[in-house]
Amino acid sequence: MPTGAVETRLAALHTAVASAVTAEVLRNEVLPKAIPSAGLVIMRDGVPDLADVTLPLTYHYDHRVEFEIYTQASEDREALADVIRQELGAAINSDRALGGLCDWVEGQPTGSDDIRVEGGETIRVDTIVATLSYGVADPLT
């Protein structure tokens, strides 16, 4: 079965980030019971948002993909989250076109929070949104 263009873009983004980030990078997984000491990143595929339609018939999308960065340590979880965020940013900045699959990829931090764990160490979660901008002739591919 052929792979569609959307899946190809998402897989390429996941591969680029997973190869650049020292933490484990999962895709669309549920949060595991334990966070590894090196941290954890979960990529959420998101949904393409139709930004414009032009002629010749081209559908222009801004596809927002979320990266959740989880760190859990007795100390320095903020510093670990910062290192992972910088690695993720470097992965995005190193190839803004994902090898020609996108017109542009832009990453933006959107927030952070602490999750209290009863009987355990607090989990810090930072969220980064990467927007993949691209045009296609067929919105179903």
C-alpha atoms as a PDB file:
ATOM      1  CA  MET A   1       0.000   0.000   0.000  1.00  0.00           C
ATOM      2  CA  PRO A   2       1.500   3.394  -0.969  1.00  0.00           C
ATOM      3  CA  THR A   3       2.190   5.923   1.766  1.00  0.00           C
ATOM      4  CA  GLY A   4       0.304   9.217   1.474  1.00  0.00           C
ATOM      5  CA  ALA A   5       2.051  12.573   1.441  1.00  0.00           C
ATOM      6  CA  VAL A   6       0.738  13.574   4.886  1.00  0.00           C
ATOM      7  CA  GLU A   7       2.075  10.382   6.472  1.00  0.00           C
ATOM      8  CA  THR A   8       5.381  10.822   4.641  1.00  0.00           C
ATOM      9  CA  ARG A   9       5.754  14.344   6.085  1.00  0.00           C
ATOM     10  CA  LEU A  10       4.860  13.242   9.613  1.00  0.00           C
ATOM     11  CA  ALA A  11       7.204  10.256   9.475  1.00  0.00           C
ATOM     12  CA  ALA A  12      10.027  12.491   8.205  1.00  0.00           C
ATOM     13  CA  LEU A  13       9.463  14.985  11.030  1.00  0.00           C
ATOM     14  CA  HIS A  14       9.408  12.177  13.609  1.00  0.00           C
ATOM     15  CA  THR A  15      12.620  10.692  12.202  1.00  0.00           C
ATOM     16  CA  ALA A  16      14.382  14.072  12.173  1.00  0.00           C
ATOM     17  CA  VAL A  17      13.452  14.823  15.771  1.00  0.00           C
ATOM     18  CA  ALA A  18      14.118  11.282  17.036  1.00  0.00           C
ATOM     19  CA  SER A  19      17.618  11.330  15.542  1.00  0.00           C
ATOM     20  CA  ALA A  20      18.474  14.709  17.118  1.00  0.00           C
ATOM     21  CA  VAL A  21      16.931  14.453  20.592  1.00  0.00           C
ATOM     22  CA  THR A  22      18.668  12.514  23.364  1.00  0.00           C
ATOM     23  CA  ALA A  23      15.321  11.605  24.961  1.00  0.00           C
ATOM     24  CA  GLU A  24      13.147   8.831  23.550  1.00  0.00           C
ATOM     25  CA  VAL A  25      10.703  10.169  20.943  1.00  0.00           C
ATOM     26  CA  LEU A  26       7.387   8.342  20.571  1.00  0.00           C
ATOM     27  CA  ARG A  27       4.555   9.080  18.176  1.00  0.00           C
ATOM     28  CA  ASN A  28       0.881   9.210  19.238  1.00  0.00           C
ATOM     29  CA  GLU A  29       1.495   7.025  22.294  1.00  0.00           C
ATOM     30  CA  VAL A  30      -0.179   7.213  25.677  1.00  0.00           C
ATOM     31  CA  LEU A  31       1.950   8.574  28.476  1.00  0.00           C
ATOM     32  CA  PRO A  32       3.758   5.630  30.075  1.00  0.00           C
ATOM     33  CA  LYS A  33       3.681   5.018  33.828  1.00  0.00           C
ATOM     34  CA  ALA A  34       7.325   6.022  34.217  1.00  0.00           C
ATOM     35  CA  ILE A  35       9.304   8.810  32.565  1.00  0.00           C
ATOM     36  CA  PRO A  36      12.876   7.791  31.602  1.00  0.00           C
ATOM     37  CA  SER A  37      15.641   9.724  33.363  1.00  0.00           C
ATOM     38  CA  ALA A  38      16.699  11.270  30.012  1.00  0.00           C
ATOM     39  CA  GLY A  39      13.144  12.547  29.478  1.00  0.00           C
ATOM     40  CA  LEU A  40      10.471  11.604  26.964  1.00  0.00           C
ATOM     41  CA  VAL A  41       8.997  13.301  23.903  1.00  0.00           C
ATOM     42  CA  ILE A  42       5.629  12.339  22.433  1.00  0.00           C
ATOM     43  CA  MET A  43       4.764  13.662  18.973  1.00  0.00           C
ATOM     44  CA  ARG A  44       1.038  14.156  18.324  1.00  0.00           C
ATOM     45  CA  ASP A  45       0.105  14.202  14.616  1.00  0.00           C
ATOM     46  CA  GLY A  46      -2.439  16.999  14.844  1.00  0.00           C
ATOM     47  CA  VAL A  47      -4.752  17.983  12.012  1.00  0.00           C
ATOM     48  CA  PRO A  48      -3.978  19.844   8.769  1.00  0.00           C
ATOM     49  CA  ASP A  49      -5.652  23.269   8.646  1.00  0.00           C
ATOM     50  CA  LEU A  50      -6.583  24.522   5.179  1.00  0.00           C
ATOM     51  CA  ALA A  51      -5.001  27.972   4.897  1.00  0.00           C
ATOM     52  CA  ASP A  52      -5.715  28.809   1.246  1.00  0.00           C
ATOM     53  CA  VAL A  53      -6.618  27.447  -2.193  1.00  0.00           C
ATOM     54  CA  THR A  54      -4.915  28.878  -5.269  1.00  0.00           C
ATOM     55  CA  LEU A  55      -4.811  28.275  -9.024  1.00  0.00           C
ATOM     56  CA  PRO A  56      -3.612  26.104 -10.556  1.00  0.00           C
ATOM     57  CA  LEU A  57      -5.570  24.120  -8.020  1.00  0.00           C
ATOM     58  CA  THR A  58      -3.328  23.895  -4.954  1.00  0.00           C
ATOM     59  CA  TYR A  59      -4.492  23.373  -1.395  1.00  0.00           C
ATOM     60  CA  HIS A  60      -2.194  25.143   1.089  1.00  0.00           C
ATOM     61  CA  TYR A  61      -2.093  23.677   4.560  1.00  0.00           C
ATOM     62  CA  ASP A  62      -0.673  24.678   7.923  1.00  0.00           C
ATOM     63  CA  HIS A  63      -0.421  21.393   9.781  1.00  0.00           C
ATOM     64  CA  ARG A  64       0.122  21.852  13.535  1.00  0.00           C
ATOM     65  CA  VAL A  65       2.015  18.981  15.155  1.00  0.00           C
ATOM     66  CA  GLU A  66       2.497  18.965  18.932  1.00  0.00           C
ATOM     67  CA  PHE A  67       5.548  17.715  20.782  1.00  0.00           C
ATOM     68  CA  GLU A  68       5.030  17.020  24.477  1.00  0.00           C
ATOM     69  CA  ILE A  69       8.302  17.013  26.439  1.00  0.00           C
ATOM     70  CA  TYR A  70       8.124  15.112  29.731  1.00  0.00           C
ATOM     71  CA  THR A  71      10.821  15.285  32.392  1.00  0.00           C
ATOM     72  CA  GLN A  72      10.710  13.859  35.903  1.00  0.00           C
ATOM     73  CA  ALA A  73      13.688  14.272  38.184  1.00  0.00           C
ATOM     74  CA  SER A  74      14.206  15.214  41.783  1.00  0.00           C
ATOM     75  CA  GLU A  75      16.137  18.265  40.594  1.00  0.00           C
ATOM     76  CA  ASP A  76      16.962  20.038  37.356  1.00  0.00           C
ATOM     77  CA  ARG A  77      13.904  18.824  35.424  1.00  0.00           C
ATOM     78  CA  GLU A  78      13.558  22.371  34.050  1.00  0.00           C
ATOM     79  CA  ALA A  79      17.157  22.283  32.795  1.00  0.00           C
ATOM     80  CA  LEU A  80      16.613  18.850  31.209  1.00  0.00           C
ATOM     81  CA  ALA A  81      13.434  20.091  29.522  1.00  0.00           C
ATOM     82  CA  ASP A  82      15.378  23.089  28.213  1.00  0.00           C
ATOM     83  CA  VAL A  83      18.075  20.842  26.707  1.00  0.00           C
ATOM     84  CA  ILE A  84      15.440  18.685  24.984  1.00  0.00           C
ATOM     85  CA  ARG A  85      13.628  21.804  23.717  1.00  0.00           C
ATOM     86  CA  GLN A  86      16.892  23.125  22.240  1.00  0.00           C
ATOM     87  CA  GLU A  87      17.618  19.761  20.580  1.00  0.00           C
ATOM     88  CA  LEU A  88      14.107  19.678  19.122  1.00  0.00           C
ATOM     89  CA  GLY A  89      14.519  23.230  17.843  1.00  0.00           C
ATOM     90  CA  ALA A  90      17.864  22.371  16.266  1.00  0.00           C
ATOM     91  CA  ALA A  91      16.278  19.380  14.494  1.00  0.00           C
ATOM     92  CA  ILE A  92      13.561  21.615  13.017  1.00  0.00           C
ATOM     93  CA  ASN A  93      16.002  24.404  12.104  1.00  0.00           C
ATOM     94  CA  SER A  94      18.422  22.033  10.381  1.00  0.00           C
ATOM     95  CA  ASP A  95      15.982  21.298   7.537  1.00  0.00           C
ATOM     96  CA  ARG A  96      13.057  23.721   7.393  1.00  0.00           C
ATOM     97  CA  ALA A  97      11.721  22.017   4.253  1.00  0.00           C
ATOM     98  CA  LEU A  98      11.948  18.407   5.529  1.00  0.00           C
ATOM     99  CA  GLY A  99      13.914  17.375   2.484  1.00  0.00           C
ATOM    100  CA  GLY A 100      11.539  19.165   0.095  1.00  0.00           C
ATOM    101  CA  LEU A 101       8.336  17.743   1.628  1.00  0.00           C
ATOM    102  CA  CYS A 102       7.249  21.116   3.048  1.00  0.00           C
ATOM    103  CA  ASP A 103       7.515  24.749   2.075  1.00  0.00           C
ATOM    104  CA  TRP A 104       8.453  25.661   5.656  1.00  0.00           C
ATOM    105  CA  VAL A 105       8.510  24.149   9.143  1.00  0.00           C
ATOM    106  CA  GLU A 106       8.343  26.454  12.149  1.00  0.00           C
ATOM    107  CA  GLY A 107       8.546  25.507  15.823  1.00  0.00           C
ATOM    108  CA  GLN A 108       7.020  27.523  18.666  1.00  0.00           C
ATOM    109  CA  PRO A 109       6.928  26.842  22.412  1.00  0.00           C
ATOM    110  CA  THR A 110       3.353  27.025  23.674  1.00  0.00           C
ATOM    111  CA  GLY A 111       3.622  26.372  27.375  1.00  0.00           C
ATOM    112  CA  SER A 112       4.756  24.299  30.301  1.00  0.00           C
ATOM    113  CA  ASP A 113       3.121  22.847  33.370  1.00  0.00           C
ATOM    114  CA  ASP A 114       3.828  20.591  36.310  1.00  0.00           C
ATOM    115  CA  ILE A 115       1.825  17.423  36.885  1.00  0.00           C
ATOM    116  CA  ARG A 116       1.699  16.390  40.522  1.00  0.00           C
ATOM    117  CA  VAL A 117       2.125  12.661  41.070  1.00  0.00           C
ATOM    118  CA  GLU A 118       0.789  11.195  44.278  1.00  0.00           C
ATOM    119  CA  GLY A 119       3.647   9.427  46.037  1.00  0.00           C
ATOM    120  CA  GLY A 120       6.110  10.323  43.261  1.00  0.00           C
ATOM    121  CA  GLU A 121       8.162  13.092  41.770  1.00  0.00           C
ATOM    122  CA  THR A 122       6.457  15.892  39.880  1.00  0.00           C
ATOM    123  CA  ILE A 123       6.419  15.583  36.087  1.00  0.00           C
ATOM    124  CA  ARG A 124       7.177  18.669  34.028  1.00  0.00           C
ATOM    125  CA  VAL A 125       5.539  18.859  30.622  1.00  0.00           C
ATOM    126  CA  ASP A 126       6.538  21.408  27.987  1.00  0.00           C
ATOM    127  CA  THR A 127       4.698  21.706  24.689  1.00  0.00           C
ATOM    128  CA  ILE A 128       6.210  22.717  21.367  1.00  0.00           C
ATOM    129  CA  VAL A 129       4.065  23.183  18.265  1.00  0.00           C
ATOM    130  CA  ALA A 130       5.692  22.622  14.890  1.00  0.00           C
ATOM    131  CA  THR A 131       3.707  23.997  11.967  1.00  0.00           C
ATOM    132  CA  LEU A 132       4.298  22.267   8.643  1.00  0.00           C
ATOM    133  CA  SER A 133       3.319  24.534   5.736  1.00  0.00           C
ATOM    134  CA  TYR A 134       2.847  22.829   2.382  1.00  0.00           C
ATOM    135  CA  GLY A 135       0.724  22.796  -0.763  1.00  0.00           C
ATOM    136  CA  VAL A 136      -0.852  19.779  -2.454  1.00  0.00           C
ATOM    137  CA  ALA A 137      -2.936  19.210  -5.577  1.00  0.00           C
ATOM    138  CA  ASP A 138      -5.127  16.607  -3.853  1.00  0.00           C
ATOM    139  CA  PRO A 139      -6.163  17.151  -0.212  1.00  0.00           C
ATOM    140  CA  LEU A 140      -6.698  13.418   0.310  1.00  0.00           C
ATOM    141  CA  THR A 141      -3.116  12.376  -0.347  1.00  0.00           C
END
